[in-house]
N, C-alpha and C. Protein backbone atom coordinates (compact mmCIF):
# COMPACT_ATOMS: atom_id res chain seq x y z
N MET A 1 0.84 -1.15 -0.06
CA MET A 1 -0.05 0.00 0.03
C MET A 1 0.84 1.29 0.00
N LYS A 2 0.45 2.19 -0.67
CA LYS A 2 1.10 3.54 -0.80
C LYS A 2 0.10 4.70 -0.66
N VAL A 3 0.69 5.80 -0.29
CA VAL A 3 -0.18 7.08 -0.24
C VAL A 3 -0.11 7.77 -1.56
N LEU A 4 -1.23 8.25 -2.01
CA LEU A 4 -1.33 8.80 -3.43
C LEU A 4 -1.61 10.31 -3.30
N ASP A 5 -0.79 11.08 -3.97
CA ASP A 5 -0.95 12.53 -4.16
C ASP A 5 -1.70 12.77 -5.45
N ALA A 6 -2.31 13.92 -5.53
CA ALA A 6 -3.03 14.39 -6.81
C ALA A 6 -2.21 14.22 -8.01
N SER A 7 -0.88 14.64 -7.93
CA SER A 7 0.00 14.56 -9.12
C SER A 7 0.28 13.10 -9.59
N GLY A 8 0.11 12.17 -8.67
CA GLY A 8 0.30 10.77 -8.98
C GLY A 8 -0.78 10.29 -9.82
N ILE A 9 -1.97 10.83 -9.79
CA ILE A 9 -3.10 10.59 -10.53
C ILE A 9 -3.13 11.29 -11.91
N ILE A 10 -2.79 12.64 -11.72
CA ILE A 10 -2.81 13.55 -12.90
C ILE A 10 -1.84 13.06 -13.99
N ASN A 11 -0.62 12.64 -13.60
CA ASN A 11 0.40 12.37 -14.52
C ASN A 11 0.40 10.92 -15.03
N LEU A 12 -0.59 10.10 -14.61
CA LEU A 12 -0.78 8.76 -15.13
C LEU A 12 -1.14 8.88 -16.63
N ARG A 13 -1.77 9.92 -17.03
CA ARG A 13 -2.36 10.03 -18.34
C ARG A 13 -3.18 8.86 -18.80
N ASP A 14 -2.74 8.17 -19.85
CA ASP A 14 -3.52 7.09 -20.34
C ASP A 14 -3.35 5.73 -19.63
N ARG A 15 -2.41 5.74 -18.71
CA ARG A 15 -2.14 4.50 -18.02
C ARG A 15 -3.21 4.18 -16.89
N GLU A 16 -3.26 3.00 -16.46
CA GLU A 16 -4.20 2.64 -15.40
C GLU A 16 -3.39 2.66 -14.04
N LEU A 17 -4.20 3.02 -13.05
CA LEU A 17 -3.72 2.94 -11.71
C LEU A 17 -3.53 1.54 -11.17
N GLU A 18 -2.35 1.17 -10.83
CA GLU A 18 -2.05 -0.23 -10.39
C GLU A 18 -1.67 -0.32 -8.95
N GLY A 19 -2.24 -1.17 -8.25
CA GLY A 19 -1.79 -1.31 -6.84
C GLY A 19 -2.99 -0.76 -5.87
N GLU A 20 -2.69 -0.72 -4.59
CA GLU A 20 -3.73 -0.29 -3.60
C GLU A 20 -3.10 1.00 -2.95
N PHE A 21 -4.05 1.97 -2.80
CA PHE A 21 -3.51 3.27 -2.27
C PHE A 21 -4.49 3.80 -1.23
N ILE A 22 -3.94 4.66 -0.47
CA ILE A 22 -4.72 5.51 0.45
C ILE A 22 -4.49 6.99 0.13
N THR A 23 -5.46 7.74 0.32
CA THR A 23 -5.17 9.13 0.17
C THR A 23 -6.29 9.98 0.98
N VAL A 24 -6.24 11.28 1.04
CA VAL A 24 -7.17 12.06 1.69
C VAL A 24 -8.26 12.65 0.76
N PRO A 25 -9.43 12.90 1.25
CA PRO A 25 -10.58 13.41 0.40
C PRO A 25 -10.19 14.66 -0.37
N GLU A 26 -9.31 15.47 0.24
CA GLU A 26 -8.98 16.82 -0.44
C GLU A 26 -8.31 16.61 -1.79
N VAL A 27 -7.75 15.46 -2.05
CA VAL A 27 -7.05 15.18 -3.26
C VAL A 27 -7.98 15.39 -4.36
N LYS A 28 -9.15 14.89 -4.25
CA LYS A 28 -10.19 14.95 -5.34
C LYS A 28 -10.38 16.44 -5.74
N GLY A 29 -10.39 17.37 -4.90
CA GLY A 29 -10.58 18.66 -5.10
C GLY A 29 -9.45 19.30 -5.91
N GLU A 30 -8.21 18.70 -5.94
CA GLU A 30 -7.01 19.18 -6.70
C GLU A 30 -7.02 18.62 -8.10
N LEU A 31 -7.90 17.75 -8.44
CA LEU A 31 -8.01 17.17 -9.78
C LEU A 31 -8.96 17.99 -10.68
N ARG A 32 -8.38 18.86 -11.39
CA ARG A 32 -9.11 19.82 -12.30
C ARG A 32 -9.41 19.14 -13.66
N ASP A 33 -8.53 18.12 -14.11
CA ASP A 33 -8.59 17.50 -15.31
C ASP A 33 -9.80 16.39 -15.23
N VAL A 34 -10.67 16.47 -16.20
CA VAL A 34 -11.78 15.51 -16.15
C VAL A 34 -11.34 14.04 -16.21
N GLN A 35 -10.31 13.73 -16.99
CA GLN A 35 -9.83 12.33 -17.05
C GLN A 35 -9.26 11.91 -15.73
N ALA A 36 -8.48 12.78 -15.08
CA ALA A 36 -7.98 12.37 -13.81
C ALA A 36 -9.05 12.21 -12.71
N ARG A 37 -9.96 13.05 -12.74
CA ARG A 37 -11.08 13.00 -11.82
C ARG A 37 -11.89 11.75 -11.96
N LEU A 38 -12.16 11.38 -13.24
CA LEU A 38 -12.89 10.15 -13.53
C LEU A 38 -12.12 8.91 -13.10
N LYS A 39 -10.81 8.95 -13.35
CA LYS A 39 -9.87 7.90 -12.98
C LYS A 39 -9.86 7.64 -11.47
N PHE A 40 -9.80 8.82 -10.79
CA PHE A 40 -9.84 8.89 -9.31
C PHE A 40 -11.15 8.19 -8.73
N GLU A 41 -12.28 8.66 -9.26
CA GLU A 41 -13.55 8.26 -8.83
C GLU A 41 -13.75 6.71 -9.14
N ALA A 42 -13.29 6.30 -10.28
CA ALA A 42 -13.51 4.94 -10.60
C ALA A 42 -12.71 3.94 -9.64
N ALA A 43 -11.39 4.57 -9.43
CA ALA A 43 -10.57 3.69 -8.46
C ALA A 43 -11.04 3.61 -7.03
N VAL A 44 -11.77 4.75 -6.58
CA VAL A 44 -12.42 4.67 -5.29
C VAL A 44 -13.45 3.62 -5.24
N VAL A 45 -14.31 3.68 -6.31
CA VAL A 45 -15.46 2.70 -6.35
C VAL A 45 -14.97 1.28 -6.45
N GLN A 46 -13.83 1.04 -7.14
CA GLN A 46 -13.30 -0.31 -7.33
C GLN A 46 -12.47 -0.77 -6.07
N GLY A 47 -12.32 0.16 -5.15
CA GLY A 47 -11.57 -0.20 -3.92
C GLY A 47 -10.05 -0.11 -4.02
N LYS A 48 -9.58 0.48 -5.23
CA LYS A 48 -8.11 0.63 -5.42
C LYS A 48 -7.52 1.82 -4.54
N ILE A 49 -8.41 2.80 -4.26
CA ILE A 49 -8.04 4.00 -3.50
C ILE A 49 -8.99 3.98 -2.28
N HIS A 50 -8.47 4.04 -1.10
CA HIS A 50 -9.20 4.19 0.17
C HIS A 50 -9.01 5.61 0.65
N LEU A 51 -10.06 6.28 1.10
CA LEU A 51 -10.01 7.62 1.62
C LEU A 51 -9.89 7.62 3.23
N GLU A 52 -8.89 8.27 3.70
CA GLU A 52 -8.59 8.39 5.08
C GLU A 52 -8.17 9.74 5.51
N GLU A 53 -8.31 10.04 6.78
CA GLU A 53 -7.83 11.25 7.32
C GLU A 53 -6.69 11.04 8.26
N PRO A 54 -5.63 11.83 8.26
CA PRO A 54 -4.54 11.63 9.20
C PRO A 54 -4.98 12.14 10.51
N SER A 55 -4.29 11.76 11.56
CA SER A 55 -4.64 12.26 12.94
C SER A 55 -4.22 13.75 12.96
N LEU A 56 -4.81 14.45 13.86
CA LEU A 56 -4.43 15.85 14.08
C LEU A 56 -2.99 16.01 14.53
N GLU A 57 -2.49 15.01 15.28
CA GLU A 57 -1.15 15.06 15.73
C GLU A 57 -0.20 14.93 14.60
N ALA A 58 -0.41 14.03 13.71
CA ALA A 58 0.43 13.85 12.43
C ALA A 58 0.38 15.12 11.61
N PHE A 59 -0.82 15.79 11.38
CA PHE A 59 -0.98 16.92 10.65
C PHE A 59 -0.15 18.10 11.25
N ASP A 60 -0.27 18.18 12.59
CA ASP A 60 0.48 19.29 13.31
C ASP A 60 1.97 19.07 13.14
N ARG A 61 2.42 17.82 13.25
CA ARG A 61 3.88 17.54 13.15
C ARG A 61 4.43 17.94 11.76
N VAL A 62 3.68 17.49 10.73
CA VAL A 62 4.09 17.89 9.35
C VAL A 62 4.10 19.44 9.14
N GLU A 63 3.02 20.04 9.66
CA GLU A 63 2.87 21.46 9.48
C GLU A 63 4.07 22.17 10.17
N ALA A 64 4.41 21.78 11.34
CA ALA A 64 5.55 22.39 12.04
C ALA A 64 6.84 22.21 11.40
N LYS A 65 7.09 20.99 10.97
CA LYS A 65 8.31 20.61 10.24
C LYS A 65 8.37 21.51 8.90
N ALA A 66 7.32 21.63 8.19
CA ALA A 66 7.25 22.40 6.95
C ALA A 66 7.54 23.85 7.24
N ASP A 67 6.99 24.36 8.32
CA ASP A 67 7.27 25.72 8.73
C ASP A 67 8.71 25.92 9.16
N LYS A 68 9.23 25.08 9.91
CA LYS A 68 10.64 25.24 10.33
C LYS A 68 11.53 25.29 9.15
N HIS A 69 11.32 24.54 8.10
CA HIS A 69 12.13 24.49 6.87
C HIS A 69 11.75 25.42 5.78
N GLY A 70 10.79 26.32 6.08
CA GLY A 70 10.34 27.32 5.03
C GLY A 70 9.54 26.80 3.94
N VAL A 71 9.08 25.56 4.07
CA VAL A 71 8.31 24.96 2.95
C VAL A 71 6.83 25.16 3.08
N LEU A 72 6.26 25.50 4.21
CA LEU A 72 4.88 25.63 4.43
C LEU A 72 4.17 26.47 3.40
N PRO A 73 4.56 27.54 3.01
CA PRO A 73 3.87 28.32 1.98
C PRO A 73 3.75 27.65 0.71
N LEU A 74 4.48 26.62 0.41
CA LEU A 74 4.44 25.93 -0.80
C LEU A 74 3.46 24.82 -0.87
N LEU A 75 2.95 24.43 0.25
CA LEU A 75 2.10 23.32 0.43
C LEU A 75 0.57 23.68 0.57
N SER A 76 -0.35 22.86 -0.02
CA SER A 76 -1.76 23.04 0.21
C SER A 76 -2.05 22.17 1.46
N ILE A 77 -3.35 22.37 1.84
CA ILE A 77 -3.86 21.60 2.97
C ILE A 77 -3.90 20.09 2.62
N ALA A 78 -4.19 19.81 1.35
CA ALA A 78 -4.16 18.39 0.88
C ALA A 78 -2.79 17.82 0.88
N ASP A 79 -1.75 18.65 0.49
CA ASP A 79 -0.46 18.21 0.54
C ASP A 79 0.08 17.79 2.00
N ILE A 80 -0.29 18.74 2.86
CA ILE A 80 0.04 18.54 4.31
C ILE A 80 -0.65 17.27 4.80
N LYS A 81 -1.85 17.10 4.44
CA LYS A 81 -2.63 15.85 4.89
C LYS A 81 -2.04 14.56 4.27
N VAL A 82 -1.70 14.64 3.03
CA VAL A 82 -1.00 13.42 2.35
C VAL A 82 0.17 13.12 3.06
N LEU A 83 1.04 14.14 3.33
CA LEU A 83 2.34 13.90 4.05
C LEU A 83 2.02 13.33 5.48
N ALA A 84 1.12 13.87 6.13
CA ALA A 84 0.78 13.45 7.42
C ALA A 84 0.25 12.02 7.46
N LEU A 85 -0.52 11.65 6.44
CA LEU A 85 -1.00 10.25 6.39
C LEU A 85 0.22 9.24 6.13
N ALA A 86 1.19 9.69 5.24
CA ALA A 86 2.34 8.87 4.88
C ALA A 86 3.23 8.76 6.24
N TYR A 87 3.31 9.88 6.94
CA TYR A 87 4.17 9.87 8.17
C TYR A 87 3.52 8.98 9.17
N GLU A 88 2.24 9.08 9.34
CA GLU A 88 1.52 8.19 10.36
C GLU A 88 1.53 6.78 10.06
N ARG A 89 1.37 6.47 8.78
CA ARG A 89 1.27 5.06 8.41
C ARG A 89 2.69 4.41 8.00
N LYS A 90 3.68 5.34 7.89
CA LYS A 90 5.04 4.90 7.47
C LYS A 90 5.01 4.25 6.08
N LEU A 91 4.31 5.03 5.24
CA LEU A 91 4.23 4.46 3.82
C LEU A 91 4.80 5.52 2.80
N PRO A 92 5.29 5.01 1.66
CA PRO A 92 5.83 6.00 0.65
C PRO A 92 4.65 6.77 0.04
N ILE A 93 4.99 7.92 -0.56
CA ILE A 93 4.00 8.74 -1.29
C ILE A 93 4.30 8.62 -2.82
N VAL A 94 3.28 8.41 -3.58
CA VAL A 94 3.47 8.48 -5.08
C VAL A 94 3.02 9.89 -5.55
N THR A 95 4.08 10.57 -5.94
CA THR A 95 3.93 11.99 -6.23
C THR A 95 4.93 12.42 -7.32
N ASP A 96 4.53 13.34 -8.08
CA ASP A 96 5.47 14.09 -9.01
C ASP A 96 5.57 15.57 -8.55
N ASP A 97 5.13 15.87 -7.41
CA ASP A 97 5.22 17.23 -6.87
C ASP A 97 6.51 17.40 -6.05
N TYR A 98 7.35 18.28 -6.60
CA TYR A 98 8.71 18.48 -6.06
C TYR A 98 8.70 18.98 -4.62
N ASP A 99 7.69 19.80 -4.25
CA ASP A 99 7.54 20.24 -2.93
C ASP A 99 7.30 19.24 -1.93
N ILE A 100 6.33 18.26 -2.38
CA ILE A 100 6.00 17.12 -1.52
C ILE A 100 7.22 16.22 -1.39
N GLN A 101 7.98 16.04 -2.52
CA GLN A 101 9.22 15.15 -2.48
C GLN A 101 10.19 15.77 -1.53
N ASN A 102 10.37 17.05 -1.60
CA ASN A 102 11.28 17.89 -0.68
C ASN A 102 10.90 17.60 0.78
N MET A 103 9.61 17.64 1.06
CA MET A 103 9.21 17.33 2.48
C MET A 103 9.42 15.89 2.82
N CYS A 104 9.23 14.99 1.91
CA CYS A 104 9.55 13.58 2.07
C CYS A 104 11.03 13.49 2.48
N TRP A 105 11.86 14.07 1.81
CA TRP A 105 13.23 14.05 2.03
C TRP A 105 13.54 14.58 3.50
N ILE A 106 13.02 15.73 3.75
CA ILE A 106 13.24 16.38 5.14
C ILE A 106 12.71 15.53 6.22
N MET A 107 11.59 14.79 5.97
CA MET A 107 10.98 13.90 7.05
C MET A 107 11.42 12.50 7.05
N GLY A 108 12.30 12.17 6.09
CA GLY A 108 12.70 10.83 6.05
C GLY A 108 11.68 9.87 5.52
N LEU A 109 10.74 10.32 4.66
CA LEU A 109 9.70 9.54 4.07
C LEU A 109 10.13 9.11 2.63
N GLY A 110 9.67 7.96 2.21
CA GLY A 110 9.94 7.54 0.86
C GLY A 110 8.97 8.13 -0.11
N PHE A 111 9.37 8.18 -1.35
CA PHE A 111 8.43 8.61 -2.43
C PHE A 111 8.81 7.99 -3.76
N GLU A 112 7.77 7.86 -4.53
CA GLU A 112 7.98 7.26 -5.92
C GLU A 112 7.34 8.33 -6.85
N THR A 113 7.90 8.36 -8.07
CA THR A 113 7.34 9.30 -9.13
C THR A 113 6.69 8.53 -10.20
N VAL A 114 5.78 9.22 -10.95
CA VAL A 114 5.04 8.67 -12.05
C VAL A 114 5.63 8.96 -13.39
N ALA A 115 5.81 10.28 -13.66
CA ALA A 115 6.28 10.74 -14.99
C ALA A 115 7.47 11.70 -14.96
N VAL A 116 7.95 12.08 -13.80
CA VAL A 116 9.10 13.01 -13.67
C VAL A 116 10.21 12.39 -12.84
N PRO A 117 11.41 12.77 -13.09
CA PRO A 117 12.42 12.24 -12.17
C PRO A 117 12.33 12.82 -10.86
N GLY A 118 12.70 12.05 -9.88
CA GLY A 118 12.55 12.57 -8.48
C GLY A 118 13.59 13.55 -8.22
N ILE A 119 13.51 14.26 -7.07
CA ILE A 119 14.53 15.19 -6.66
C ILE A 119 15.75 14.53 -6.25
N LYS A 120 16.90 15.17 -6.44
CA LYS A 120 18.26 14.59 -6.06
C LYS A 120 18.84 15.27 -4.86
N GLU A 121 18.22 16.34 -4.48
CA GLU A 121 18.70 17.15 -3.34
C GLU A 121 17.44 17.84 -2.69
N ALA A 122 17.59 18.21 -1.45
CA ALA A 122 16.58 18.93 -0.74
C ALA A 122 16.94 20.30 -0.45
N PHE A 123 15.90 21.13 -0.35
CA PHE A 123 16.19 22.58 -0.11
C PHE A 123 15.26 23.09 1.17
N GLU A 124 15.85 24.04 1.85
CA GLU A 124 15.01 24.75 2.84
C GLU A 124 14.91 26.15 2.31
N TRP A 125 13.75 26.73 2.48
CA TRP A 125 13.44 28.11 2.00
C TRP A 125 13.57 29.08 3.16
N SER A 126 13.88 30.26 2.79
CA SER A 126 13.89 31.37 3.84
C SER A 126 13.53 32.68 3.33
N LYS A 127 13.20 33.65 4.12
CA LYS A 127 12.93 35.03 3.70
C LYS A 127 13.99 35.89 4.49
N LYS A 128 14.53 36.80 3.73
CA LYS A 128 15.45 37.77 4.33
C LYS A 128 14.87 39.10 4.16
N CYS A 129 14.79 39.91 5.33
CA CYS A 129 14.29 41.28 5.20
C CYS A 129 15.19 42.03 4.39
N TYR A 130 14.63 42.67 3.38
CA TYR A 130 15.34 43.54 2.51
C TYR A 130 16.00 44.76 3.17
N ALA A 131 15.37 45.28 4.14
CA ALA A 131 15.91 46.44 4.84
C ALA A 131 16.93 46.13 5.91
N CYS A 132 16.64 45.19 6.79
CA CYS A 132 17.59 44.93 7.89
C CYS A 132 18.39 43.68 7.83
N GLY A 133 17.99 42.72 6.94
CA GLY A 133 18.70 41.42 6.80
C GLY A 133 18.24 40.33 7.69
N LYS A 134 17.28 40.55 8.58
CA LYS A 134 16.86 39.50 9.52
C LYS A 134 16.22 38.39 8.68
N GLU A 135 16.59 37.17 8.97
CA GLU A 135 16.17 35.95 8.18
C GLU A 135 15.07 35.17 8.87
N TYR A 136 14.16 34.80 8.13
CA TYR A 136 13.01 34.01 8.64
C TYR A 136 12.82 32.71 7.78
N THR A 137 12.47 31.59 8.49
CA THR A 137 12.09 30.43 7.78
C THR A 137 10.58 30.25 7.72
N THR A 138 9.86 31.02 8.59
CA THR A 138 8.41 30.97 8.53
C THR A 138 7.88 32.07 7.59
N ASP A 139 6.68 31.88 7.18
CA ASP A 139 6.06 32.83 6.18
C ASP A 139 5.47 33.96 7.04
N ILE A 140 6.11 35.12 6.84
CA ILE A 140 5.70 36.32 7.51
C ILE A 140 5.49 37.45 6.43
N SER A 141 4.65 38.43 6.77
CA SER A 141 4.49 39.49 5.79
C SER A 141 5.16 40.78 6.23
N GLU A 142 5.61 40.86 7.42
CA GLU A 142 6.26 42.11 8.02
C GLU A 142 7.35 41.71 8.92
N CYS A 143 8.48 42.35 8.75
CA CYS A 143 9.71 42.02 9.51
C CYS A 143 9.43 42.40 10.99
N GLU A 144 9.70 41.49 11.83
CA GLU A 144 9.44 41.73 13.30
C GLU A 144 10.53 42.72 13.87
N ALA A 145 11.72 42.85 13.17
CA ALA A 145 12.67 43.77 13.71
C ALA A 145 12.53 45.19 13.25
N CYS A 146 12.16 45.41 11.96
CA CYS A 146 12.12 46.74 11.45
C CYS A 146 10.81 47.13 10.82
N GLY A 147 9.83 46.20 10.59
CA GLY A 147 8.59 46.53 10.06
C GLY A 147 8.57 46.58 8.53
N SER A 148 9.65 46.25 7.91
CA SER A 148 9.63 46.23 6.44
C SER A 148 8.76 45.14 5.98
N LYS A 149 8.15 45.45 4.68
CA LYS A 149 7.31 44.39 4.03
C LYS A 149 7.95 43.87 2.84
N ARG A 150 9.13 44.13 2.60
CA ARG A 150 9.90 43.70 1.47
C ARG A 150 10.93 42.57 1.88
N PHE A 151 10.89 41.39 1.20
CA PHE A 151 11.73 40.35 1.50
C PHE A 151 12.36 39.72 0.24
N ILE A 152 13.49 39.17 0.48
CA ILE A 152 14.19 38.40 -0.60
C ILE A 152 13.96 36.93 -0.28
N VAL A 153 13.43 36.16 -1.07
CA VAL A 153 13.13 34.79 -0.87
C VAL A 153 14.35 33.94 -1.46
N SER A 154 14.91 33.11 -0.56
CA SER A 154 16.10 32.28 -1.10
C SER A 154 15.95 30.84 -0.64
N LYS A 155 16.67 29.91 -1.24
CA LYS A 155 16.68 28.51 -0.84
C LYS A 155 18.04 28.15 -0.49
N ARG A 156 18.14 27.31 0.54
CA ARG A 156 19.45 26.81 0.94
C ARG A 156 19.41 25.29 0.76
N TYR A 157 20.60 24.85 0.41
CA TYR A 157 20.85 23.39 0.06
C TYR A 157 20.69 22.70 1.50
N SER A 158 20.00 21.60 1.44
CA SER A 158 19.69 20.86 2.69
C SER A 158 20.40 19.45 2.69
N GLY A 159 20.66 18.89 1.54
CA GLY A 159 21.29 17.64 1.56
C GLY A 159 21.07 16.80 0.32
N LYS A 160 21.88 15.88 -0.03
CA LYS A 160 21.84 14.94 -1.13
C LYS A 160 21.53 13.51 -0.71
N ARG A 161 20.96 12.75 -1.51
CA ARG A 161 20.73 11.33 -1.27
C ARG A 161 21.93 10.56 -1.61
C-alpha cells in the first residue's frame, strides 16, 4: 500500500492505476482535469483507493516541520494531509510534486514518481528582510525587527541522497 498525491493521478495520463492506495478526500478537489477526476472516482469505487484522514497530531507535526524548513507556504492543505498520512502510516508517497518530495526528504519518508524524475537534493526556504537582513524560515508578511514588508526569498541546500 502507498499514499497517493493528486499529481500521482494527474500524471498517469492514459495508463491505469495499479496497486492499492490511500489518500485524503481533499485530493479529489485538486483534480481539475476530467480524465484524472474520473480515474480517481473509478478507483475509489473499485476499492483501489481508500480515503482516510490523518490524525491531528500527524498533521500538526508535518505542518511544524514544513514551517521550520520554510516549505509551508508551498504546500496546500491536501499536501500536508497526504504527508501526514504517509508519516503516520509509515508509507511512501506516489507523487510528481517536487515540494512534496522535498518534504519527504526532510521527514525521512519514501516517495515514488510517475512521470518526472525525483529530486536529487533537498532545499530549505527562507525569507530575508530587504531592509535589515533578518532571516525567517516561517512565512511572514512584515519584519518583526524593522517593520519592512519587502523580503528576498532564497533557498538553501539541505542535503543529497
